[in-house]
Amino acid sequence: MTLQAKFAIQIHGDSMEPEYTNGDIVLVKAQPQIDIGQIGIFTVNDIGYIKKLGTDRLISVNPEYDDIYFEEGQDIRCKGLVIGTLEDDDFV
């Protein structure tokens, strides 16, 4: 899986718990778009997010967080598809 990844990002925050937790390092396959329902790395007005793609929004898995609805004038870019996480034993 690591060979498919273009880059890795450390997660800060808990908006995607329980799937991804604060401190996780996720592997990302660089691509300009993903399918609805997939989890990706996005920038919204130059702020980075890990979110699930919805039809009209970026979705937080943790219900304590609001989703980010698409609005006119926002600069929303997909940076890639999250394909996994690095585990402690990956650093042997």
PDB file of N, CA and C in Angstrom:
ATOM      1  N   MET A   1       0.825  -1.199   0.000  1.00  0.00           N
ATOM      2  CA  MET A   1       0.000   0.000   0.000  1.00  0.00           C
ATOM      3  C   MET A   1       0.866   1.258   0.000  1.00  0.00           C
ATOM      4  N   THR A   2       1.982   1.215   0.707  1.00  0.00           N
ATOM      5  CA  THR A   2       2.813   2.412   0.776  1.00  0.00           C
ATOM      6  C   THR A   2       3.384   2.785  -0.586  1.00  0.00           C
ATOM      7  N   LEU A   3       3.548   1.826  -1.474  1.00  0.00           N
ATOM      8  CA  LEU A   3       4.070   2.127  -2.805  1.00  0.00           C
ATOM      9  C   LEU A   3       3.068   2.909  -3.644  1.00  0.00           C
ATOM     10  N   GLN A   4       1.775   2.786  -3.342  1.00  0.00           N
ATOM     11  CA  GLN A   4       0.743   3.525  -4.072  1.00  0.00           C
ATOM     12  C   GLN A   4       0.622   4.966  -3.582  1.00  0.00           C
ATOM     13  N   ALA A   5       1.105   5.228  -2.377  1.00  0.00           N
ATOM     14  CA  ALA A   5       0.957   6.560  -1.778  1.00  0.00           C
ATOM     15  C   ALA A   5       1.958   7.537  -2.381  1.00  0.00           C
ATOM     16  N   LYS A   6       1.480   8.723  -2.627  1.00  0.00           N
ATOM     17  CA  LYS A   6       2.346   9.802  -3.114  1.00  0.00           C
ATOM     18  C   LYS A   6       2.900  10.601  -1.933  1.00  0.00           C
ATOM     19  N   PHE A   7       2.075  10.707  -0.865  1.00  0.00           N
ATOM     20  CA  PHE A   7       2.523  11.421   0.324  1.00  0.00           C
ATOM     21  C   PHE A   7       1.761  10.928   1.546  1.00  0.00           C
ATOM     22  N   ALA A   8       2.228  11.347   2.711  1.00  0.00           N
ATOM     23  CA  ALA A   8       1.597  11.000   3.986  1.00  0.00           C
ATOM     24  C   ALA A   8       1.380  12.285   4.774  1.00  0.00           C
ATOM     25  N   ILE A   9       0.295  12.303   5.542  1.00  0.00           N
ATOM     26  CA  ILE A   9      -0.052  13.483   6.343  1.00  0.00           C
ATOM     27  C   ILE A   9      -0.441  13.023   7.744  1.00  0.00           C
ATOM     28  N   GLN A  10       0.027  13.758   8.749  1.00  0.00           N
ATOM     29  CA  GLN A  10      -0.386  13.479  10.116  1.00  0.00           C
ATOM     30  C   GLN A  10      -1.693  14.215  10.393  1.00  0.00           C
ATOM     31  N   ILE A  11      -2.649  13.497  10.967  1.00  0.00           N
ATOM     32  CA  ILE A  11      -3.964  14.053  11.265  1.00  0.00           C
ATOM     33  C   ILE A  11      -3.908  14.839  12.571  1.00  0.00           C
ATOM     34  N   HIS A  12      -4.501  16.024  12.543  1.00  0.00           N
ATOM     35  CA  HIS A  12      -4.627  16.855  13.738  1.00  0.00           C
ATOM     36  C   HIS A  12      -6.113  17.092  13.957  1.00  0.00           C
ATOM     37  N   GLY A  13      -6.611  16.627  15.088  1.00  0.00           N
ATOM     38  CA  GLY A  13      -8.025  16.797  15.398  1.00  0.00           C
ATOM     39  C   GLY A  13      -8.754  15.469  15.415  1.00  0.00           C
ATOM     40  N   ASP A  14     -10.037  15.546  15.782  1.00  0.00           N
ATOM     41  CA  ASP A  14     -10.823  14.322  15.942  1.00  0.00           C
ATOM     42  C   ASP A  14     -12.124  14.324  15.136  1.00  0.00           C
ATOM     43  N   SER A  15     -12.197  15.130  14.089  1.00  0.00           N
ATOM     44  CA  SER A  15     -13.439  15.220  13.318  1.00  0.00           C
ATOM     45  C   SER A  15     -13.740  13.962  12.508  1.00  0.00           C
ATOM     46  N   MET A  16     -12.754  13.078  12.356  1.00  0.00           N
ATOM     47  CA  MET A  16     -12.981  11.848  11.594  1.00  0.00           C
ATOM     48  C   MET A  16     -12.952  10.600  12.472  1.00  0.00           C
ATOM     49  N   GLU A  17     -12.998  10.793  13.798  1.00  0.00           N
ATOM     50  CA  GLU A  17     -13.058   9.633  14.698  1.00  0.00           C
ATOM     51  C   GLU A  17     -14.414   8.959  14.562  1.00  0.00           C
ATOM     52  N   PRO A  18     -14.458   7.663  14.639  1.00  0.00           N
ATOM     53  CA  PRO A  18     -13.397   6.736  15.048  1.00  0.00           C
ATOM     54  C   PRO A  18     -12.531   6.205  13.902  1.00  0.00           C
ATOM     55  N   GLU A  19     -12.802   6.583  12.656  1.00  0.00           N
ATOM     56  CA  GLU A  19     -12.021   6.049  11.536  1.00  0.00           C
ATOM     57  C   GLU A  19     -10.568   6.492  11.576  1.00  0.00           C
ATOM     58  N   TYR A  20     -10.332   7.764  11.818  1.00  0.00           N
ATOM     59  CA  TYR A  20      -8.987   8.323  11.906  1.00  0.00           C
ATOM     60  C   TYR A  20      -8.920   9.196  13.144  1.00  0.00           C
ATOM     61  N   THR A  21      -7.843   9.037  13.919  1.00  0.00           N
ATOM     62  CA  THR A  21      -7.740   9.761  15.173  1.00  0.00           C
ATOM     63  C   THR A  21      -6.567  10.736  15.149  1.00  0.00           C
ATOM     64  N   ASN A  22      -6.600  11.659  16.078  1.00  0.00           N
ATOM     65  CA  ASN A  22      -5.539  12.655  16.211  1.00  0.00           C
ATOM     66  C   ASN A  22      -4.188  11.955  16.296  1.00  0.00           C
ATOM     67  N   GLY A  23      -3.262  12.359  15.463  1.00  0.00           N
ATOM     68  CA  GLY A  23      -1.924  11.777  15.461  1.00  0.00           C
ATOM     69  C   GLY A  23      -1.713  10.691  14.425  1.00  0.00           C
ATOM     70  N   ASP A  24      -2.787  10.124  13.875  1.00  0.00           N
ATOM     71  CA  ASP A  24      -2.632   9.119  12.822  1.00  0.00           C
ATOM     72  C   ASP A  24      -1.878   9.719  11.641  1.00  0.00           C
ATOM     73  N   ILE A  25      -1.100   8.889  10.990  1.00  0.00           N
ATOM     74  CA  ILE A  25      -0.446   9.287   9.755  1.00  0.00           C
ATOM     75  C   ILE A  25      -1.123   8.521   8.633  1.00  0.00           C
ATOM     76  N   VAL A  26      -1.774   9.267   7.733  1.00  0.00           N
ATOM     77  CA  VAL A  26      -2.505   8.630   6.644  1.00  0.00           C
ATOM     78  C   VAL A  26      -1.693   8.681   5.364  1.00  0.00           C
ATOM     79  N   LEU A  27      -1.834   7.623   4.578  1.00  0.00           N
ATOM     80  CA  LEU A  27      -1.202   7.534   3.271  1.00  0.00           C
ATOM     81  C   LEU A  27      -2.182   8.055   2.239  1.00  0.00           C
ATOM     82  N   VAL A  28      -1.689   8.856   1.316  1.00  0.00           N
ATOM     83  CA  VAL A  28      -2.565   9.511   0.342  1.00  0.00           C
ATOM     84  C   VAL A  28      -2.068   9.240  -1.070  1.00  0.00           C
ATOM     85  N   LYS A  29      -2.977   8.765  -1.902  1.00  0.00           N
ATOM     86  CA  LYS A  29      -2.717   8.599  -3.326  1.00  0.00           C
ATOM     87  C   LYS A  29      -3.138   9.901  -4.007  1.00  0.00           C
ATOM     88  N   ALA A  30      -2.196  10.627  -4.567  1.00  0.00           N
ATOM     89  CA  ALA A  30      -2.494  11.925  -5.175  1.00  0.00           C
ATOM     90  C   ALA A  30      -3.408  11.745  -6.383  1.00  0.00           C
ATOM     91  N   GLN A  31      -4.519  12.456  -6.372  1.00  0.00           N
ATOM     92  CA  GLN A  31      -5.444  12.473  -7.503  1.00  0.00           C
ATOM     93  C   GLN A  31      -6.375  13.668  -7.337  1.00  0.00           C
ATOM     94  N   PRO A  32      -6.801  14.263  -8.446  1.00  0.00           N
ATOM     95  CA  PRO A  32      -7.575  15.503  -8.387  1.00  0.00           C
ATOM     96  C   PRO A  32      -9.041  15.333  -8.033  1.00  0.00           C
ATOM     97  N   GLN A  33      -9.528  14.094  -7.980  1.00  0.00           N
ATOM     98  CA  GLN A  33     -10.914  13.859  -7.565  1.00  0.00           C
ATOM     99  C   GLN A  33     -11.058  12.445  -7.029  1.00  0.00           C
ATOM    100  N   ILE A  34     -12.086  12.264  -6.191  1.00  0.00           N
ATOM    101  CA  ILE A  34     -12.406  10.949  -5.646  1.00  0.00           C
ATOM    102  C   ILE A  34     -13.905  10.731  -5.805  1.00  0.00           C
ATOM    103  N   ASP A  35     -14.352   9.523  -5.551  1.00  0.00           N
ATOM    104  CA  ASP A  35     -15.770   9.200  -5.671  1.00  0.00           C
ATOM    105  C   ASP A  35     -16.538   9.602  -4.414  1.00  0.00           C
ATOM    106  N   ILE A  36     -17.815   9.873  -4.593  1.00  0.00           N
ATOM    107  CA  ILE A  36     -18.699  10.163  -3.464  1.00  0.00           C
ATOM    108  C   ILE A  36     -18.600   9.005  -2.466  1.00  0.00           C
ATOM    109  N   GLY A  37     -18.458   9.334  -1.194  1.00  0.00           N
ATOM    110  CA  GLY A  37     -18.359   8.323  -0.144  1.00  0.00           C
ATOM    111  C   GLY A  37     -16.939   7.946   0.233  1.00  0.00           C
ATOM    112  N   GLN A  38     -15.976   8.320  -0.599  1.00  0.00           N
ATOM    113  CA  GLN A  38     -14.586   8.030  -0.280  1.00  0.00           C
ATOM    114  C   GLN A  38     -14.022   9.138   0.613  1.00  0.00           C
ATOM    115  N   ILE A  39     -12.956   8.789   1.341  1.00  0.00           N
ATOM    116  CA  ILE A  39     -12.300   9.761   2.214  1.00  0.00           C
ATOM    117  C   ILE A  39     -11.058  10.288   1.517  1.00  0.00           C
ATOM    118  N   GLY A  40     -10.936  11.603   1.546  1.00  0.00           N
ATOM    119  CA  GLY A  40      -9.818  12.235   0.864  1.00  0.00           C
ATOM    120  C   GLY A  40      -9.228  13.372   1.666  1.00  0.00           C
ATOM    121  N   ILE A  41      -8.185  13.933   1.107  1.00  0.00           N
ATOM    122  CA  ILE A  41      -7.565  15.134   1.640  1.00  0.00           C
ATOM    123  C   ILE A  41      -7.985  16.283   0.733  1.00  0.00           C
ATOM    124  N   PHE A  42      -8.508  17.336   1.347  1.00  0.00           N
ATOM    125  CA  PHE A  42      -9.032  18.475   0.609  1.00  0.00           C
ATOM    126  C   PHE A  42      -8.462  19.761   1.180  1.00  0.00           C
ATOM    127  N   THR A  43      -8.425  20.790   0.344  1.00  0.00           N
ATOM    128  CA  THR A  43      -8.209  22.133   0.853  1.00  0.00           C
ATOM    129  C   THR A  43      -9.455  22.946   0.519  1.00  0.00           C
ATOM    130  N   VAL A  44      -9.873  23.734   1.484  1.00  0.00           N
ATOM    131  CA  VAL A  44     -10.985  24.667   1.307  1.00  0.00           C
ATOM    132  C   VAL A  44     -10.420  26.036   1.662  1.00  0.00           C
ATOM    133  N   ASN A  45     -10.299  26.875   0.653  1.00  0.00           N
ATOM    134  CA  ASN A  45      -9.686  28.196   0.837  1.00  0.00           C
ATOM    135  C   ASN A  45      -8.334  28.073   1.549  1.00  0.00           C
ATOM    136  N   ASP A  46      -7.526  27.130   1.076  1.00  0.00           N
ATOM    137  CA  ASP A  46      -6.151  26.890   1.538  1.00  0.00           C
ATOM    138  C   ASP A  46      -6.028  26.302   2.943  1.00  0.00           C
ATOM    139  N   ILE A  47      -7.112  25.807   3.524  1.00  0.00           N
ATOM    140  CA  ILE A  47      -7.067  25.113   4.817  1.00  0.00           C
ATOM    141  C   ILE A  47      -7.286  23.629   4.546  1.00  0.00           C
ATOM    142  N   GLY A  48      -6.415  22.777   5.091  1.00  0.00           N
ATOM    143  CA  GLY A  48      -6.468  21.349   4.821  1.00  0.00           C
ATOM    144  C   GLY A  48      -7.435  20.592   5.709  1.00  0.00           C
ATOM    145  N   TYR A  49      -8.084  19.579   5.098  1.00  0.00           N
ATOM    146  CA  TYR A  49      -9.048  18.740   5.804  1.00  0.00           C
ATOM    147  C   TYR A  49      -8.934  17.303   5.325  1.00  0.00           C
ATOM    148  N   ILE A  50      -9.197  16.364   6.224  1.00  0.00           N
ATOM    149  CA  ILE A  50      -9.478  14.987   5.849  1.00  0.00           C
ATOM    150  C   ILE A  50     -10.979  14.831   6.046  1.00  0.00           C
ATOM    151  N   LYS A  51     -11.697  14.456   4.983  1.00  0.00           N
ATOM    152  CA  LYS A  51     -13.154  14.372   5.036  1.00  0.00           C
ATOM    153  C   LYS A  51     -13.657  13.322   4.063  1.00  0.00           C
ATOM    154  N   LYS A  52     -14.889  12.884   4.296  1.00  0.00           N
ATOM    155  CA  LYS A  52     -15.591  12.021   3.355  1.00  0.00           C
ATOM    156  C   LYS A  52     -16.305  12.922   2.358  1.00  0.00           C
ATOM    157  N   LEU A  53     -16.233  12.573   1.074  1.00  0.00           N
ATOM    158  CA  LEU A  53     -16.870  13.388   0.044  1.00  0.00           C
ATOM    159  C   LEU A  53     -18.350  13.059  -0.074  1.00  0.00           C
ATOM    160  N   GLY A  54     -19.180  14.090   0.061  1.00  0.00           N
ATOM    161  CA  GLY A  54     -20.607  13.964  -0.174  1.00  0.00           C
ATOM    162  C   GLY A  54     -20.961  14.648  -1.483  1.00  0.00           C
ATOM    163  N   THR A  55     -22.229  14.618  -1.851  1.00  0.00           N
ATOM    164  CA  THR A  55     -22.635  15.236  -3.119  1.00  0.00           C
ATOM    165  C   THR A  55     -22.577  16.754  -3.071  1.00  0.00           C
ATOM    166  N   ASP A  56     -22.816  17.323  -1.898  1.00  0.00           N
ATOM    167  CA  ASP A  56     -22.842  18.783  -1.772  1.00  0.00           C
ATOM    168  C   ASP A  56     -22.030  19.294  -0.593  1.00  0.00           C
ATOM    169  N   ARG A  57     -21.145  18.421  -0.063  1.00  0.00           N
ATOM    170  CA  ARG A  57     -20.404  18.807   1.137  1.00  0.00           C
ATOM    171  C   ARG A  57     -19.258  17.846   1.415  1.00  0.00           C
ATOM    172  N   LEU A  58     -18.401  18.258   2.327  1.00  0.00           N
ATOM    173  CA  LEU A  58     -17.373  17.402   2.900  1.00  0.00           C
ATOM    174  C   LEU A  58     -17.886  16.986   4.271  1.00  0.00           C
ATOM    175  N   ILE A  59     -17.863  15.692   4.539  1.00  0.00           N
ATOM    176  CA  ILE A  59     -18.538  15.132   5.703  1.00  0.00           C
ATOM    177  C   ILE A  59     -17.546  14.747   6.796  1.00  0.00           C
ATOM    178  N   SER A  60     -17.841  15.175   8.016  1.00  0.00           N
ATOM    179  CA  SER A  60     -17.103  14.747   9.200  1.00  0.00           C
ATOM    180  C   SER A  60     -17.752  13.473   9.718  1.00  0.00           C
ATOM    181  N   VAL A  61     -16.950  12.454  10.023  1.00  0.00           N
ATOM    182  CA  VAL A  61     -17.487  11.207  10.565  1.00  0.00           C
ATOM    183  C   VAL A  61     -17.962  11.408  12.006  1.00  0.00           C
ATOM    184  N   ASN A  62     -17.223  12.187  12.777  1.00  0.00           N
ATOM    185  CA  ASN A  62     -17.581  12.468  14.161  1.00  0.00           C
ATOM    186  C   ASN A  62     -18.801  13.403  14.172  1.00  0.00           C
ATOM    187  N   PRO A  63     -19.921  12.975  14.756  1.00  0.00           N
ATOM    188  CA  PRO A  63     -21.139  13.791  14.725  1.00  0.00           C
ATOM    189  C   PRO A  63     -21.044  15.100  15.512  1.00  0.00           C
ATOM    190  N   GLU A  64     -19.985  15.280  16.284  1.00  0.00           N
ATOM    191  CA  GLU A  64     -19.816  16.533  17.023  1.00  0.00           C
ATOM    192  C   GLU A  64     -19.350  17.679  16.128  1.00  0.00           C
ATOM    193  N   TYR A  65     -19.018  17.369  14.877  1.00  0.00           N
ATOM    194  CA  TYR A  65     -18.510  18.379  13.943  1.00  0.00           C
ATOM    195  C   TYR A  65     -19.485  18.597  12.802  1.00  0.00           C
ATOM    196  N   ASP A  66     -19.611  19.849  12.388  1.00  0.00           N
ATOM    197  CA  ASP A  66     -20.446  20.183  11.243  1.00  0.00           C
ATOM    198  C   ASP A  66     -19.743  19.787   9.956  1.00  0.00           C
ATOM    199  N   ASP A  67     -20.545  19.449   8.958  1.00  0.00           N
ATOM    200  CA  ASP A  67     -20.012  19.206   7.632  1.00  0.00           C
ATOM    201  C   ASP A  67     -19.672  20.546   6.986  1.00  0.00           C
ATOM    202  N   ILE A  68     -18.882  20.496   5.952  1.00  0.00           N
ATOM    203  CA  ILE A  68     -18.519  21.699   5.206  1.00  0.00           C
ATOM    204  C   ILE A  68     -19.296  21.673   3.896  1.00  0.00           C
ATOM    205  N   TYR A  69     -20.303  22.528   3.809  1.00  0.00           N
ATOM    206  CA  TYR A  69     -21.136  22.579   2.608  1.00  0.00           C
ATOM    207  C   TYR A  69     -20.445  23.392   1.528  1.00  0.00           C
ATOM    208  N   PHE A  70     -20.603  22.943   0.286  1.00  0.00           N
ATOM    209  CA  PHE A  70     -20.030  23.672  -0.839  1.00  0.00           C
ATOM    210  C   PHE A  70     -20.797  24.965  -1.052  1.00  0.00           C
ATOM    211  N   GLU A  71     -20.067  26.051  -1.142  1.00  0.00           N
ATOM    212  CA  GLU A  71     -20.670  27.363  -1.371  1.00  0.00           C
ATOM    213  C   GLU A  71     -19.978  28.035  -2.539  1.00  0.00           C
ATOM    214  N   GLU A  72     -20.721  28.849  -3.245  1.00  0.00           N
ATOM    215  CA  GLU A  72     -20.154  29.592  -4.357  1.00  0.00           C
ATOM    216  C   GLU A  72     -19.021  30.482  -3.850  1.00  0.00           C
ATOM    217  N   GLY A  73     -17.948  30.513  -4.601  1.00  0.00           N
ATOM    218  CA  GLY A  73     -16.808  31.350  -4.241  1.00  0.00           C
ATOM    219  C   GLY A  73     -15.739  30.632  -3.435  1.00  0.00           C
ATOM    220  N   GLN A  74     -16.046  29.436  -2.908  1.00  0.00           N
ATOM    221  CA  GLN A  74     -15.030  28.685  -2.173  1.00  0.00           C
ATOM    222  C   GLN A  74     -14.044  28.055  -3.153  1.00  0.00           C
ATOM    223  N   ASP A  75     -12.805  27.971  -2.743  1.00  0.00           N
ATOM    224  CA  ASP A  75     -11.790  27.278  -3.520  1.00  0.00           C
ATOM    225  C   ASP A  75     -11.593  25.909  -2.877  1.00  0.00           C
ATOM    226  N   ILE A  76     -12.272  24.897  -3.413  1.00  0.00           N
ATOM    227  CA  ILE A  76     -12.216  23.542  -2.862  1.00  0.00           C
ATOM    228  C   ILE A  76     -11.425  22.668  -3.830  1.00  0.00           C
ATOM    229  N   ARG A  77     -10.393  22.042  -3.300  1.00  0.00           N
ATOM    230  CA  ARG A  77      -9.549  21.186  -4.139  1.00  0.00           C
ATOM    231  C   ARG A  77      -9.321  19.840  -3.464  1.00  0.00           C
ATOM    232  N   CYS A  78      -9.412  18.796  -4.237  1.00  0.00           N
ATOM    233  CA  CYS A  78      -9.074  17.454  -3.771  1.00  0.00           C
ATOM    234  C   CYS A  78      -7.585  17.239  -4.005  1.00  0.00           C
ATOM    235  N   LYS A  79      -6.886  16.850  -2.961  1.00  0.00           N
ATOM    236  CA  LYS A  79      -5.452  16.588  -3.065  1.00  0.00           C
ATOM    237  C   LYS A  79      -5.163  15.101  -3.248  1.00  0.00           C
ATOM    238  N   GLY A  80      -6.123  14.245  -2.826  1.00  0.00           N
ATOM    239  CA  GLY A  80      -5.904  12.818  -3.011  1.00  0.00           C
ATOM    240  C   GLY A  80      -6.823  11.962  -2.178  1.00  0.00           C
ATOM    241  N   LEU A  81      -6.740  10.668  -2.443  1.00  0.00           N
ATOM    242  CA  LEU A  81      -7.534   9.640  -1.781  1.00  0.00           C
ATOM    243  C   LEU A  81      -6.755   9.045  -0.619  1.00  0.00           C
ATOM    244  N   VAL A  82      -7.367   8.971   0.545  1.00  0.00           N
ATOM    245  CA  VAL A  82      -6.731   8.322   1.701  1.00  0.00           C
ATOM    246  C   VAL A  82      -6.818   6.818   1.476  1.00  0.00           C
ATOM    247  N   ILE A  83      -5.651   6.152   1.470  1.00  0.00           N
ATOM    248  CA  ILE A  83      -5.619   4.719   1.175  1.00  0.00           C
ATOM    249  C   ILE A  83      -5.199   3.862   2.367  1.00  0.00           C
ATOM    250  N   GLY A  84      -4.891   4.483   3.492  1.00  0.00           N
ATOM    251  CA  GLY A  84      -4.522   3.709   4.670  1.00  0.00           C
ATOM    252  C   GLY A  84      -3.797   4.563   5.690  1.00  0.00           C
ATOM    253  N   THR A  85      -3.339   3.900   6.730  1.00  0.00           N
ATOM    254  CA  THR A  85      -2.577   4.580   7.771  1.00  0.00           C
ATOM    255  C   THR A  85      -1.254   3.850   7.994  1.00  0.00           C
ATOM    256  N   LEU A  86      -0.283   4.595   8.469  1.00  0.00           N
ATOM    257  CA  LEU A  86       0.966   3.971   8.886  1.00  0.00           C
ATOM    258  C   LEU A  86       0.801   3.515  10.328  1.00  0.00           C
ATOM    259  N   GLU A  87       1.258   2.342  10.607  1.00  0.00           N
ATOM    260  CA  GLU A  87       1.197   1.783  11.957  1.00  0.00           C
ATOM    261  C   GLU A  87       2.594   1.796  12.572  1.00  0.00           C
ATOM    262  N   ASP A  88       2.665   1.642  13.888  1.00  0.00           N
ATOM    263  CA  ASP A  88       3.957   1.668  14.580  1.00  0.00           C
ATOM    264  C   ASP A  88       4.936   0.665  14.000  1.00  0.00           C
ATOM    265  N   ASP A  89       4.458  -0.538  13.634  1.00  0.00           N
ATOM    266  CA  ASP A  89       5.364  -1.545  13.118  1.00  0.00           C
ATOM    267  C   ASP A  89       5.839  -1.261  11.691  1.00  0.00           C
ATOM    268  N   ASP A  90       5.282  -0.234  11.052  1.00  0.00           N
ATOM    269  CA  ASP A  90       5.770   0.185   9.733  1.00  0.00           C
ATOM    270  C   ASP A  90       7.092   0.934   9.849  1.00  0.00           C
ATOM    271  N   PHE A  91       7.480   1.310  11.079  1.00  0.00           N
ATOM    272  CA  PHE A  91       8.696   2.086  11.305  1.00  0.00           C
ATOM    273  C   PHE A  91       9.832   1.250  11.897  1.00  0.00           C
ATOM    274  N   VAL A  92       9.793  -0.041  11.678  1.00  0.00           N
ATOM    275  CA  VAL A  92      10.808  -0.931  12.240  1.00  0.00           C
ATOM    276  C   VAL A  92      12.143  -0.706  11.603  1.00  0.00           C
TER     277      VAL A  92
END
